[in-house]
Amino acid sequence: MRRRNIAIAILILVVGAGWWLWMRSKSNNNKNTRIVSVEKGDVVRTLALSGKIKAEKEAHLRFLSPGKLGYVKAREGDEVKKGTAMMGLDVRDLAAAETAAYYSYIAADANAKQVEDEVKGHDNDETFVLKNKRVAAQTVRDKAYDTWQSAIRAKNNASLIAPFDGVVARVTVNVVGQAAGVTDGVDVVDPDSLYFEAEVDEADLSMVTIGKKVKVELDAYPDKEFEGEIKIIEFVAHISDAGATVFSVRVKISEEDIEILRVGMNGDATLVVSEAKNVLKLPIEAVVDGEAEMEGGGKRKVEIGIEGDDLIEVKVGLKEGERIVIR
């Protein structure tokens, strides 16, 4: 009798637990279920491309040889005109280096000519020793000449000249008399040449065309949309950091907005690749395997059109106002 009571108690517990789990599952299903109506509106499919602001005209001007800074006439943020001398080395040291290089060349040339005179008339019987001596002397002369010419160029290019109208973006040294190396100089950017560059995967390239309008959102201005237009699509693909085959796309920003842009700003460009206006629409998740579950029971075959970012176009199978169950 005692065993029978225990068995009945266990059965009651199992049934109770099963009922509780069933009711909980039903409750959860109800929580995840919602009803939507078939409505009319627009369905838009967009493509988002990440990128950053770059400049078509951007010059990184550097000295050809080290020296002492002779003058600085430009600071970061200054507007400069084409041909403006912005920074220069002390030419006195460069002139002395040019003179020294010149006399080294003169000495090497005199030595080479002396050796060449020694081998005159021996074109057919020049010994290896004489040939080696002649070639060595001529090589020293050639190197001395190249050094002299480099010194001339260094003196002539002691000043860094603005190659176009623009804004000084960076100055690496700014104290007269300070040592300046070949990595020092001035960066100049033409603000009117700024553009947004993004990468488009080769699988999406067919959706991108020159002249297409684009909305650009920058991290620096989260509450502002910039109007843009695709101007250039790279002709040759390259491999992205993620290892995908991509093409670079240049977006020209409208003139009224370009003045607040800065090189290096990150953001996203969004373009409409397909659109259906004033059509029947539903959330994408409302149609599963070509069918929609109707309120009150039953399923309906549905033919869809454009699939947007979160909505789909309903072409056949449903009417406006009908209610659909989404689980």
C-alpha atoms as a PDB file:
ATOM      1  CA  MET A   1       0.000   0.000   0.000  1.00  0.00           C
ATOM      2  CA  ARG A   2       2.847   2.320   0.875  1.00  0.00           C
ATOM      3  CA  ARG A   3       4.612   1.618  -2.455  1.00  0.00           C
ATOM      4  CA  ARG A   4       1.380   2.331  -4.315  1.00  0.00           C
ATOM      5  CA  ASN A   5       1.027   5.725  -2.634  1.00  0.00           C
ATOM      6  CA  ILE A   6       4.620   6.588  -3.501  1.00  0.00           C
ATOM      7  CA  ALA A   7       4.053   5.667  -7.157  1.00  0.00           C
ATOM      8  CA  ILE A   8       0.913   7.816  -7.314  1.00  0.00           C
ATOM      9  CA  ALA A   9       2.793  10.734  -5.755  1.00  0.00           C
ATOM     10  CA  ILE A  10       5.609  10.407  -8.304  1.00  0.00           C
ATOM     11  CA  LEU A  11       3.062  10.278 -11.163  1.00  0.00           C
ATOM     12  CA  ILE A  12       1.357  13.415  -9.873  1.00  0.00           C
ATOM     13  CA  LEU A  13       4.722  15.204  -9.695  1.00  0.00           C
ATOM     14  CA  VAL A  14       5.672  14.187 -13.261  1.00  0.00           C
ATOM     15  CA  VAL A  15       2.287  15.263 -14.641  1.00  0.00           C
ATOM     16  CA  GLY A  16       2.457  18.525 -12.713  1.00  0.00           C
ATOM     17  CA  ALA A  17       5.975  19.268 -13.929  1.00  0.00           C
ATOM     18  CA  GLY A  18       4.981  18.493 -17.525  1.00  0.00           C
ATOM     19  CA  TRP A  19       1.950  20.768 -17.286  1.00  0.00           C
ATOM     20  CA  TRP A  20       4.088  23.574 -15.799  1.00  0.00           C
ATOM     21  CA  LEU A  21       6.698  23.273 -18.560  1.00  0.00           C
ATOM     22  CA  TRP A  22       3.952  23.252 -21.222  1.00  0.00           C
ATOM     23  CA  MET A  23       2.309  26.352 -19.780  1.00  0.00           C
ATOM     24  CA  ARG A  24       5.683  28.116 -19.529  1.00  0.00           C
ATOM     25  CA  SER A  25       6.527  27.247 -23.133  1.00  0.00           C
ATOM     26  CA  LYS A  26       3.121  28.489 -24.258  1.00  0.00           C
ATOM     27  CA  SER A  27       3.608  31.705 -22.310  1.00  0.00           C
ATOM     28  CA  ASN A  28       7.034  32.252 -23.887  1.00  0.00           C
ATOM     29  CA  ASN A  29       5.634  31.580 -27.359  1.00  0.00           C
ATOM     30  CA  ASN A  30       2.901  34.129 -26.753  1.00  0.00           C
ATOM     31  CA  LYS A  31       5.501  36.663 -25.653  1.00  0.00           C
ATOM     32  CA  ASN A  32       7.488  36.119 -28.853  1.00  0.00           C
ATOM     33  CA  THR A  33       4.413  36.284 -31.064  1.00  0.00           C
ATOM     34  CA  ARG A  34       3.139  39.528 -32.574  1.00  0.00           C
ATOM     35  CA  ILE A  35       0.497  40.522 -35.081  1.00  0.00           C
ATOM     36  CA  VAL A  36       1.177  42.929 -37.959  1.00  0.00           C
ATOM     37  CA  SER A  37      -1.061  44.317 -40.677  1.00  0.00           C
ATOM     38  CA  VAL A  38      -0.343  44.421 -44.378  1.00  0.00           C
ATOM     39  CA  GLU A  39       0.168  48.102 -45.155  1.00  0.00           C
ATOM     40  CA  LYS A  40       0.996  50.308 -48.086  1.00  0.00           C
ATOM     41  CA  GLY A  41       4.215  52.257 -48.198  1.00  0.00           C
ATOM     42  CA  ASP A  42       7.743  52.362 -49.582  1.00  0.00           C
ATOM     43  CA  VAL A  43      10.257  49.524 -49.500  1.00  0.00           C
ATOM     44  CA  VAL A  44      13.889  50.586 -49.805  1.00  0.00           C
ATOM     45  CA  ARG A  45      17.026  48.517 -50.109  1.00  0.00           C
ATOM     46  CA  THR A  46      20.261  50.303 -49.257  1.00  0.00           C
ATOM     47  CA  LEU A  47      23.967  49.549 -49.330  1.00  0.00           C
ATOM     48  CA  ALA A  48      26.224  50.882 -46.573  1.00  0.00           C
ATOM     49  CA  LEU A  49      29.928  51.457 -47.209  1.00  0.00           C
ATOM     50  CA  SER A  50      32.473  52.361 -44.529  1.00  0.00           C
ATOM     51  CA  GLY A  51      35.279  54.763 -45.299  1.00  0.00           C
ATOM     52  CA  LYS A  52      36.994  58.028 -44.458  1.00  0.00           C
ATOM     53  CA  ILE A  53      37.660  61.538 -45.708  1.00  0.00           C
ATOM     54  CA  LYS A  54      40.713  61.929 -47.945  1.00  0.00           C
ATOM     55  CA  ALA A  55      42.204  64.690 -50.098  1.00  0.00           C
ATOM     56  CA  GLU A  56      42.912  64.537 -53.806  1.00  0.00           C
ATOM     57  CA  LYS A  57      45.457  67.340 -53.395  1.00  0.00           C
ATOM     58  CA  GLU A  58      47.669  66.577 -50.412  1.00  0.00           C
ATOM     59  CA  ALA A  59      51.405  67.351 -50.434  1.00  0.00           C
ATOM     60  CA  HIS A  60      54.004  66.108 -47.955  1.00  0.00           C
ATOM     61  CA  LEU A  61      56.954  68.423 -48.564  1.00  0.00           C
ATOM     62  CA  ARG A  62      60.303  67.304 -47.112  1.00  0.00           C
ATOM     63  CA  PHE A  63      63.893  68.559 -47.279  1.00  0.00           C
ATOM     64  CA  LEU A  64      66.261  66.721 -49.616  1.00  0.00           C
ATOM     65  CA  SER A  65      69.146  66.949 -47.150  1.00  0.00           C
ATOM     66  CA  PRO A  66      69.582  67.703 -43.439  1.00  0.00           C
ATOM     67  CA  GLY A  67      70.543  71.160 -42.194  1.00  0.00           C
ATOM     68  CA  LYS A  68      69.650  73.963 -39.833  1.00  0.00           C
ATOM     69  CA  LEU A  69      66.262  75.602 -40.090  1.00  0.00           C
ATOM     70  CA  GLY A  70      66.730  79.063 -41.572  1.00  0.00           C
ATOM     71  CA  TYR A  71      63.175  80.407 -41.519  1.00  0.00           C
ATOM     72  CA  VAL A  72      59.553  79.427 -40.910  1.00  0.00           C
ATOM     73  CA  LYS A  73      56.755  81.432 -42.508  1.00  0.00           C
ATOM     74  CA  ALA A  74      53.821  79.073 -42.073  1.00  0.00           C
ATOM     75  CA  ARG A  75      52.012  77.598 -39.090  1.00  0.00           C
ATOM     76  CA  GLU A  76      49.435  74.830 -38.853  1.00  0.00           C
ATOM     77  CA  GLY A  77      46.062  76.117 -40.026  1.00  0.00           C
ATOM     78  CA  ASP A  78      47.507  78.914 -42.189  1.00  0.00           C
ATOM     79  CA  GLU A  79      46.087  79.378 -45.657  1.00  0.00           C
ATOM     80  CA  VAL A  80      48.803  79.534 -48.293  1.00  0.00           C
ATOM     81  CA  LYS A  81      48.874  80.390 -51.968  1.00  0.00           C
ATOM     82  CA  LYS A  82      50.610  78.393 -54.668  1.00  0.00           C
ATOM     83  CA  GLY A  83      54.296  79.397 -54.809  1.00  0.00           C
ATOM     84  CA  THR A  84      54.518  80.567 -51.188  1.00  0.00           C
ATOM     85  CA  ALA A  85      57.853  79.775 -49.484  1.00  0.00           C
ATOM     86  CA  MET A  86      56.770  78.258 -46.180  1.00  0.00           C
ATOM     87  CA  MET A  87      59.975  76.962 -44.630  1.00  0.00           C
ATOM     88  CA  GLY A  88      63.648  76.846 -45.518  1.00  0.00           C
ATOM     89  CA  LEU A  89      67.079  75.705 -44.401  1.00  0.00           C
ATOM     90  CA  ASP A  90      70.074  77.955 -43.723  1.00  0.00           C
ATOM     91  CA  VAL A  91      71.604  78.103 -47.215  1.00  0.00           C
ATOM     92  CA  ARG A  92      75.017  79.110 -45.925  1.00  0.00           C
ATOM     93  CA  ASP A  93      75.747  75.575 -44.776  1.00  0.00           C
ATOM     94  CA  LEU A  94      74.277  74.182 -47.973  1.00  0.00           C
ATOM     95  CA  ALA A  95      76.378  76.552 -50.084  1.00  0.00           C
ATOM     96  CA  ALA A  96      79.497  75.435 -48.220  1.00  0.00           C
ATOM     97  CA  ALA A  97      78.543  71.807 -48.810  1.00  0.00           C
ATOM     98  CA  GLU A  98      78.045  72.543 -52.516  1.00  0.00           C
ATOM     99  CA  THR A  99      81.464  74.210 -52.749  1.00  0.00           C
ATOM    100  CA  ALA A 100      83.152  71.296 -50.989  1.00  0.00           C
ATOM    101  CA  ALA A 101      81.403  68.829 -53.285  1.00  0.00           C
ATOM    102  CA  TYR A 102      82.475  70.862 -56.327  1.00  0.00           C
ATOM    103  CA  TYR A 103      86.165  70.810 -55.361  1.00  0.00           C
ATOM    104  CA  SER A 104      85.980  67.103 -54.611  1.00  0.00           C
ATOM    105  CA  TYR A 105      84.653  66.601 -58.101  1.00  0.00           C
ATOM    106  CA  ILE A 106      87.402  68.793 -59.609  1.00  0.00           C
ATOM    107  CA  ALA A 107      90.056  66.713 -57.821  1.00  0.00           C
ATOM    108  CA  ALA A 108      88.475  63.433 -58.894  1.00  0.00           C
ATOM    109  CA  ASP A 109      88.173  64.687 -62.470  1.00  0.00           C
ATOM    110  CA  ALA A 110      91.845  65.737 -62.574  1.00  0.00           C
ATOM    111  CA  ASN A 111      92.926  62.352 -61.270  1.00  0.00           C
ATOM    112  CA  ALA A 112      90.743  60.514 -63.781  1.00  0.00           C
ATOM    113  CA  LYS A 113      92.120  62.583 -66.671  1.00  0.00           C
ATOM    114  CA  GLN A 114      95.691  61.842 -65.571  1.00  0.00           C
ATOM    115  CA  VAL A 115      94.972  58.113 -65.553  1.00  0.00           C
ATOM    116  CA  GLU A 116      93.220  58.368 -68.943  1.00  0.00           C
ATOM    117  CA  ASP A 117      96.339  60.083 -70.355  1.00  0.00           C
ATOM    118  CA  GLU A 118      98.463  57.194 -69.117  1.00  0.00           C
ATOM    119  CA  VAL A 119      96.482  54.656 -71.128  1.00  0.00           C
ATOM    120  CA  LYS A 120      96.228  56.675 -74.330  1.00  0.00           C
ATOM    121  CA  GLY A 121      97.293  54.694 -77.338  1.00  0.00           C
ATOM    122  CA  HIS A 122      96.742  51.393 -75.565  1.00  0.00           C
ATOM    123  CA  ASP A 123      93.217  50.692 -76.746  1.00  0.00           C
ATOM    124  CA  ASN A 124      94.267  47.332 -78.180  1.00  0.00           C
ATOM    125  CA  ASP A 125      96.863  46.289 -75.619  1.00  0.00           C
ATOM    126  CA  GLU A 126      95.600  47.810 -72.360  1.00  0.00           C
ATOM    127  CA  THR A 127      96.619  45.567 -69.476  1.00  0.00           C
ATOM    128  CA  PHE A 128      94.226  44.460 -66.763  1.00  0.00           C
ATOM    129  CA  VAL A 129      96.068  46.576 -64.192  1.00  0.00           C
ATOM    130  CA  LEU A 130      95.792  49.729 -66.311  1.00  0.00           C
ATOM    131  CA  LYS A 131      92.136  49.032 -67.124  1.00  0.00           C
ATOM    132  CA  ASN A 132      91.313  48.500 -63.464  1.00  0.00           C
ATOM    133  CA  LYS A 133      93.098  51.727 -62.521  1.00  0.00           C
ATOM    134  CA  ARG A 134      91.281  53.695 -65.241  1.00  0.00           C
ATOM    135  CA  VAL A 135      87.831  52.352 -64.377  1.00  0.00           C
ATOM    136  CA  ALA A 136      88.376  52.989 -60.647  1.00  0.00           C
ATOM    137  CA  ALA A 137      89.399  56.614 -61.281  1.00  0.00           C
ATOM    138  CA  GLN A 138      86.450  57.213 -63.595  1.00  0.00           C
ATOM    139  CA  THR A 139      84.045  55.693 -61.061  1.00  0.00           C
ATOM    140  CA  VAL A 140      85.347  57.987 -58.316  1.00  0.00           C
ATOM    141  CA  ARG A 141      84.871  60.962 -60.650  1.00  0.00           C
ATOM    142  CA  ASP A 142      81.313  59.931 -61.521  1.00  0.00           C
ATOM    143  CA  LYS A 143      80.379  59.555 -57.847  1.00  0.00           C
ATOM    144  CA  ALA A 144      81.936  62.925 -57.015  1.00  0.00           C
ATOM    145  CA  TYR A 145      79.947  64.512 -59.833  1.00  0.00           C
ATOM    146  CA  ASP A 146      76.693  63.004 -58.570  1.00  0.00           C
ATOM    147  CA  THR A 147      77.475  64.253 -55.045  1.00  0.00           C
ATOM    148  CA  TRP A 148      78.113  67.747 -56.396  1.00  0.00           C
ATOM    149  CA  GLN A 149      74.839  67.746 -58.336  1.00  0.00           C
ATOM    150  CA  SER A 150      72.956  66.524 -55.231  1.00  0.00           C
ATOM    151  CA  ALA A 151      74.472  69.399 -53.258  1.00  0.00           C
ATOM    152  CA  ILE A 152      73.286  71.837 -55.942  1.00  0.00           C
ATOM    153  CA  ARG A 153      69.753  70.416 -55.797  1.00  0.00           C
ATOM    154  CA  ALA A 154      69.784  70.505 -52.001  1.00  0.00           C
ATOM    155  CA  LYS A 155      70.677  74.215 -52.034  1.00  0.00           C
ATOM    156  CA  ASN A 156      68.163  75.017 -54.760  1.00  0.00           C
ATOM    157  CA  ASN A 157      65.468  73.096 -52.874  1.00  0.00           C
ATOM    158  CA  ALA A 158      66.317  74.472 -49.457  1.00  0.00           C
ATOM    159  CA  SER A 159      62.907  76.164 -49.408  1.00  0.00           C
ATOM    160  CA  LEU A 160      59.633  74.262 -49.260  1.00  0.00           C
ATOM    161  CA  ILE A 161      57.204  75.879 -51.706  1.00  0.00           C
ATOM    162  CA  ALA A 162      53.416  75.427 -51.676  1.00  0.00           C
ATOM    163  CA  PRO A 163      52.508  73.492 -54.854  1.00  0.00           C
ATOM    164  CA  PHE A 164      48.896  74.689 -54.795  1.00  0.00           C
ATOM    165  CA  ASP A 165      46.503  76.900 -52.831  1.00  0.00           C
ATOM    166  CA  GLY A 166      45.671  75.184 -49.573  1.00  0.00           C
ATOM    167  CA  VAL A 167      45.909  74.943 -45.805  1.00  0.00           C
ATOM    168  CA  VAL A 168      48.980  74.000 -43.779  1.00  0.00           C
ATOM    169  CA  ALA A 169      48.036  70.727 -42.089  1.00  0.00           C
ATOM    170  CA  ARG A 170      51.290  69.938 -40.292  1.00  0.00           C
ATOM    171  CA  VAL A 171      54.676  71.489 -39.516  1.00  0.00           C
ATOM    172  CA  THR A 172      57.312  69.136 -38.108  1.00  0.00           C
ATOM    173  CA  VAL A 173      59.863  71.771 -36.992  1.00  0.00           C
ATOM    174  CA  ASN A 174      59.247  75.417 -36.187  1.00  0.00           C
ATOM    175  CA  VAL A 175      62.272  76.825 -34.334  1.00  0.00           C
ATOM    176  CA  VAL A 176      64.838  78.694 -36.422  1.00  0.00           C
ATOM    177  CA  GLY A 177      68.273  77.184 -35.902  1.00  0.00           C
ATOM    178  CA  GLN A 178      66.828  73.809 -35.009  1.00  0.00           C
ATOM    179  CA  ALA A 179      68.236  70.792 -36.825  1.00  0.00           C
ATOM    180  CA  ALA A 180      65.998  69.586 -39.627  1.00  0.00           C
ATOM    181  CA  GLY A 181      66.292  66.207 -41.321  1.00  0.00           C
ATOM    182  CA  VAL A 182      64.978  64.608 -44.477  1.00  0.00           C
ATOM    183  CA  THR A 183      61.795  63.579 -42.615  1.00  0.00           C
ATOM    184  CA  ASP A 184      61.021  67.177 -41.618  1.00  0.00           C
ATOM    185  CA  GLY A 185      58.870  69.617 -43.520  1.00  0.00           C
ATOM    186  CA  VAL A 186      55.324  70.814 -44.150  1.00  0.00           C
ATOM    187  CA  ASP A 187      52.074  69.080 -45.149  1.00  0.00           C
ATOM    188  CA  VAL A 188      49.629  71.057 -47.274  1.00  0.00           C
ATOM    189  CA  VAL A 189      46.044  70.093 -48.113  1.00  0.00           C
ATOM    190  CA  ASP A 190      43.612  71.669 -50.560  1.00  0.00           C
ATOM    191  CA  PRO A 191      40.286  71.726 -48.639  1.00  0.00           C
ATOM    192  CA  ASP A 192      38.313  71.967 -51.876  1.00  0.00           C
ATOM    193  CA  SER A 193      39.682  68.583 -52.964  1.00  0.00           C
ATOM    194  CA  LEU A 194      38.329  66.585 -50.003  1.00  0.00           C
ATOM    195  CA  TYR A 195      36.215  63.519 -50.747  1.00  0.00           C
ATOM    196  CA  PHE A 196      34.843  60.444 -48.975  1.00  0.00           C
ATOM    197  CA  GLU A 197      36.495  57.176 -49.979  1.00  0.00           C
ATOM    198  CA  ALA A 198      34.906  53.802 -49.257  1.00  0.00           C
ATOM    199  CA  GLU A 199      35.461  50.206 -50.282  1.00  0.00           C
ATOM    200  CA  VAL A 200      32.775  48.160 -52.049  1.00  0.00           C
ATOM    201  CA  ASP A 201      32.940  44.380 -52.230  1.00  0.00           C
ATOM    202  CA  GLU A 202      33.127  42.952 -55.748  1.00  0.00           C
ATOM    203  CA  ALA A 203      29.824  41.127 -55.117  1.00  0.00           C
ATOM    204  CA  ASP A 204      28.080  44.510 -54.629  1.00  0.00           C
ATOM    205  CA  LEU A 205      29.867  46.400 -57.404  1.00  0.00           C
ATOM    206  CA  SER A 206      26.944  46.058 -59.840  1.00  0.00           C
ATOM    207  CA  MET A 207      24.795  48.133 -57.450  1.00  0.00           C
ATOM    208  CA  VAL A 208      27.219  51.066 -57.488  1.00  0.00           C
ATOM    209  CA  THR A 209      27.291  53.472 -60.419  1.00  0.00           C
ATOM    210  CA  ILE A 210      28.956  56.797 -61.142  1.00  0.00           C
ATOM    211  CA  GLY A 211      26.569  59.686 -60.518  1.00  0.00           C
ATOM    212  CA  LYS A 212      24.532  57.854 -57.873  1.00  0.00           C
ATOM    213  CA  LYS A 213      23.455  60.008 -54.930  1.00  0.00           C
ATOM    214  CA  VAL A 214      24.813  59.070 -51.527  1.00  0.00           C
ATOM    215  CA  LYS A 215      24.158  60.009 -47.914  1.00  0.00           C
ATOM    216  CA  VAL A 216      27.319  60.253 -45.823  1.00  0.00           C
ATOM    217  CA  GLU A 217      27.331  60.131 -42.027  1.00  0.00           C
ATOM    218  CA  LEU A 218      30.562  60.966 -40.202  1.00  0.00           C
ATOM    219  CA  ASP A 219      31.476  59.978 -36.659  1.00  0.00           C
ATOM    220  CA  ALA A 220      32.504  63.583 -36.009  1.00  0.00           C
ATOM    221  CA  TYR A 221      28.983  64.841 -36.877  1.00  0.00           C
ATOM    222  CA  PRO A 222      26.547  62.107 -35.738  1.00  0.00           C
ATOM    223  CA  ASP A 223      23.481  64.341 -36.128  1.00  0.00           C
ATOM    224  CA  LYS A 224      24.235  65.516 -39.660  1.00  0.00           C
ATOM    225  CA  GLU A 225      23.815  63.908 -43.078  1.00  0.00           C
ATOM    226  CA  PHE A 226      26.104  64.993 -45.901  1.00  0.00           C
ATOM    227  CA  GLU A 227      24.859  64.933 -49.474  1.00  0.00           C
ATOM    228  CA  GLY A 228      27.254  63.247 -51.876  1.00  0.00           C
ATOM    229  CA  GLU A 229      27.615  61.764 -55.328  1.00  0.00           C
ATOM    230  CA  ILE A 230      29.794  58.922 -56.596  1.00  0.00           C
ATOM    231  CA  LYS A 231      32.423  60.398 -58.904  1.00  0.00           C
ATOM    232  CA  ILE A 232      35.004  57.636 -59.351  1.00  0.00           C
ATOM    233  CA  ILE A 233      34.960  53.848 -59.121  1.00  0.00           C
ATOM    234  CA  GLU A 234      38.425  52.324 -58.975  1.00  0.00           C
ATOM    235  CA  PHE A 235      39.247  50.426 -62.178  1.00  0.00           C
ATOM    236  CA  VAL A 236      41.576  47.921 -60.533  1.00  0.00           C
ATOM    237  CA  ALA A 237      40.566  45.894 -57.470  1.00  0.00           C
ATOM    238  CA  HIS A 238      42.670  45.481 -54.355  1.00  0.00           C
ATOM    239  CA  ILE A 239      42.566  43.277 -51.274  1.00  0.00           C
ATOM    240  CA  SER A 240      41.037  44.790 -48.138  1.00  0.00           C
ATOM    241  CA  ASP A 241      42.401  44.379 -44.620  1.00  0.00           C
ATOM    242  CA  ALA A 242      39.844  41.591 -44.148  1.00  0.00           C
ATOM    243  CA  GLY A 243      41.146  39.744 -47.207  1.00  0.00           C
ATOM    244  CA  ALA A 244      38.199  40.512 -49.510  1.00  0.00           C
ATOM    245  CA  THR A 245      38.433  41.715 -53.114  1.00  0.00           C
ATOM    246  CA  VAL A 246      37.177  45.299 -53.128  1.00  0.00           C
ATOM    247  CA  PHE A 247      37.066  48.436 -55.257  1.00  0.00           C
ATOM    248  CA  SER A 248      37.585  51.956 -53.925  1.00  0.00           C
ATOM    249  CA  VAL A 249      34.761  54.427 -54.519  1.00  0.00           C
ATOM    250  CA  ARG A 250      35.133  58.212 -54.312  1.00  0.00           C
ATOM    251  CA  VAL A 251      32.185  60.290 -53.154  1.00  0.00           C
ATOM    252  CA  LYS A 252      32.188  64.034 -53.760  1.00  0.00           C
ATOM    253  CA  ILE A 253      30.611  65.945 -50.870  1.00  0.00           C
ATOM    254  CA  SER A 254      28.429  68.978 -51.628  1.00  0.00           C
ATOM    255  CA  GLU A 255      30.268  72.316 -51.706  1.00  0.00           C
ATOM    256  CA  GLU A 256      28.303  73.840 -48.807  1.00  0.00           C
ATOM    257  CA  ASP A 257      29.432  71.058 -46.453  1.00  0.00           C
ATOM    258  CA  ILE A 258      33.005  70.497 -47.568  1.00  0.00           C
ATOM    259  CA  GLU A 259      34.440  73.361 -45.508  1.00  0.00           C
ATOM    260  CA  ILE A 260      33.823  71.567 -42.185  1.00  0.00           C
ATOM    261  CA  LEU A 261      35.449  68.312 -43.305  1.00  0.00           C
ATOM    262  CA  ARG A 262      38.892  67.183 -42.166  1.00  0.00           C
ATOM    263  CA  VAL A 263      41.208  64.529 -43.592  1.00  0.00           C
ATOM    264  CA  GLY A 264      40.914  61.231 -41.722  1.00  0.00           C
ATOM    265  CA  MET A 265      37.315  61.572 -40.505  1.00  0.00           C
ATOM    266  CA  ASN A 266      35.613  58.150 -40.410  1.00  0.00           C
ATOM    267  CA  GLY A 267      32.038  57.409 -41.405  1.00  0.00           C
ATOM    268  CA  ASP A 268      29.593  55.501 -43.589  1.00  0.00           C
ATOM    269  CA  ALA A 269      28.046  56.177 -46.971  1.00  0.00           C
ATOM    270  CA  THR A 270      24.557  54.870 -47.696  1.00  0.00           C
ATOM    271  CA  LEU A 271      23.068  54.609 -51.176  1.00  0.00           C
ATOM    272  CA  VAL A 272      19.690  53.361 -52.358  1.00  0.00           C
ATOM    273  CA  VAL A 273      20.143  50.383 -54.678  1.00  0.00           C
ATOM    274  CA  SER A 274      16.455  49.554 -55.224  1.00  0.00           C
ATOM    275  CA  GLU A 275      13.129  51.063 -54.214  1.00  0.00           C
ATOM    276  CA  ALA A 276       9.403  50.352 -54.574  1.00  0.00           C
ATOM    277  CA  LYS A 277       6.960  53.150 -53.757  1.00  0.00           C
ATOM    278  CA  ASN A 278       3.391  52.842 -52.464  1.00  0.00           C
ATOM    279  CA  VAL A 279       3.325  49.040 -52.450  1.00  0.00           C
ATOM    280  CA  LEU A 280       2.023  46.436 -49.999  1.00  0.00           C
ATOM    281  CA  LYS A 281       4.675  45.740 -47.397  1.00  0.00           C
ATOM    282  CA  LEU A 282       5.444  43.544 -44.401  1.00  0.00           C
ATOM    283  CA  PRO A 283       8.378  43.038 -42.039  1.00  0.00           C
ATOM    284  CA  ILE A 284      10.872  40.597 -43.567  1.00  0.00           C
ATOM    285  CA  GLU A 285      10.298  38.022 -40.826  1.00  0.00           C
ATOM    286  CA  ALA A 286       6.541  37.869 -41.601  1.00  0.00           C
ATOM    287  CA  VAL A 287       7.120  35.657 -44.652  1.00  0.00           C
ATOM    288  CA  VAL A 288       8.873  32.330 -44.082  1.00  0.00           C
ATOM    289  CA  ASP A 289       9.601  29.982 -46.984  1.00  0.00           C
ATOM    290  CA  GLY A 290       7.180  31.903 -49.187  1.00  0.00           C
ATOM    291  CA  GLU A 291       4.280  31.690 -46.734  1.00  0.00           C
ATOM    292  CA  ALA A 292       2.599  34.040 -44.250  1.00  0.00           C
ATOM    293  CA  GLU A 293       0.712  32.787 -41.191  1.00  0.00           C
ATOM    294  CA  MET A 294      -2.726  34.406 -41.047  1.00  0.00           C
ATOM    295  CA  GLU A 295      -4.362  35.589 -37.870  1.00  0.00           C
ATOM    296  CA  GLY A 296      -7.026  33.061 -36.937  1.00  0.00           C
ATOM    297  CA  GLY A 297      -5.159  30.145 -38.471  1.00  0.00           C
ATOM    298  CA  GLY A 298      -3.925  28.908 -41.797  1.00  0.00           C
ATOM    299  CA  LYS A 299      -1.067  29.974 -44.048  1.00  0.00           C
ATOM    300  CA  ARG A 300      -1.061  31.869 -47.339  1.00  0.00           C
ATOM    301  CA  LYS A 301       1.353  31.607 -50.262  1.00  0.00           C
ATOM    302  CA  VAL A 302       2.995  34.978 -50.870  1.00  0.00           C
ATOM    303  CA  GLU A 303       4.977  36.293 -53.819  1.00  0.00           C
ATOM    304  CA  ILE A 304       7.459  38.951 -52.741  1.00  0.00           C
ATOM    305  CA  GLY A 305       9.208  41.673 -54.715  1.00  0.00           C
ATOM    306  CA  ILE A 306      11.958  43.951 -53.444  1.00  0.00           C
ATOM    307  CA  GLU A 307      13.549  42.891 -50.189  1.00  0.00           C
ATOM    308  CA  GLY A 308      14.576  45.990 -48.296  1.00  0.00           C
ATOM    309  CA  ASP A 309      16.620  46.510 -45.179  1.00  0.00           C
ATOM    310  CA  ASP A 310      13.784  45.464 -42.822  1.00  0.00           C
ATOM    311  CA  LEU A 311      10.690  45.315 -45.052  1.00  0.00           C
ATOM    312  CA  ILE A 312       9.623  43.291 -48.067  1.00  0.00           C
ATOM    313  CA  GLU A 313       7.310  44.120 -50.945  1.00  0.00           C
ATOM    314  CA  VAL A 314       4.209  41.891 -51.193  1.00  0.00           C
ATOM    315  CA  LYS A 315       3.260  41.417 -54.841  1.00  0.00           C
ATOM    316  CA  VAL A 316       0.723  38.577 -54.742  1.00  0.00           C
ATOM    317  CA  GLY A 317      -1.160  36.671 -52.022  1.00  0.00           C
ATOM    318  CA  LEU A 318      -2.226  39.302 -49.484  1.00  0.00           C
ATOM    319  CA  LYS A 319      -4.460  42.354 -49.298  1.00  0.00           C
ATOM    320  CA  GLU A 320      -4.068  45.616 -47.462  1.00  0.00           C
ATOM    321  CA  GLY A 321      -5.325  45.356 -43.872  1.00  0.00           C
ATOM    322  CA  GLU A 322      -4.945  41.606 -43.522  1.00  0.00           C
ATOM    323  CA  ARG A 323      -3.260  40.589 -40.287  1.00  0.00           C
ATOM    324  CA  ILE A 324      -0.230  38.345 -40.171  1.00  0.00           C
ATOM    325  CA  VAL A 325       1.240  36.396 -37.251  1.00  0.00           C
ATOM    326  CA  ILE A 326       4.974  36.686 -36.647  1.00  0.00           C
ATOM    327  CA  ARG A 327       6.527  34.140 -34.308  1.00  0.00           C
END
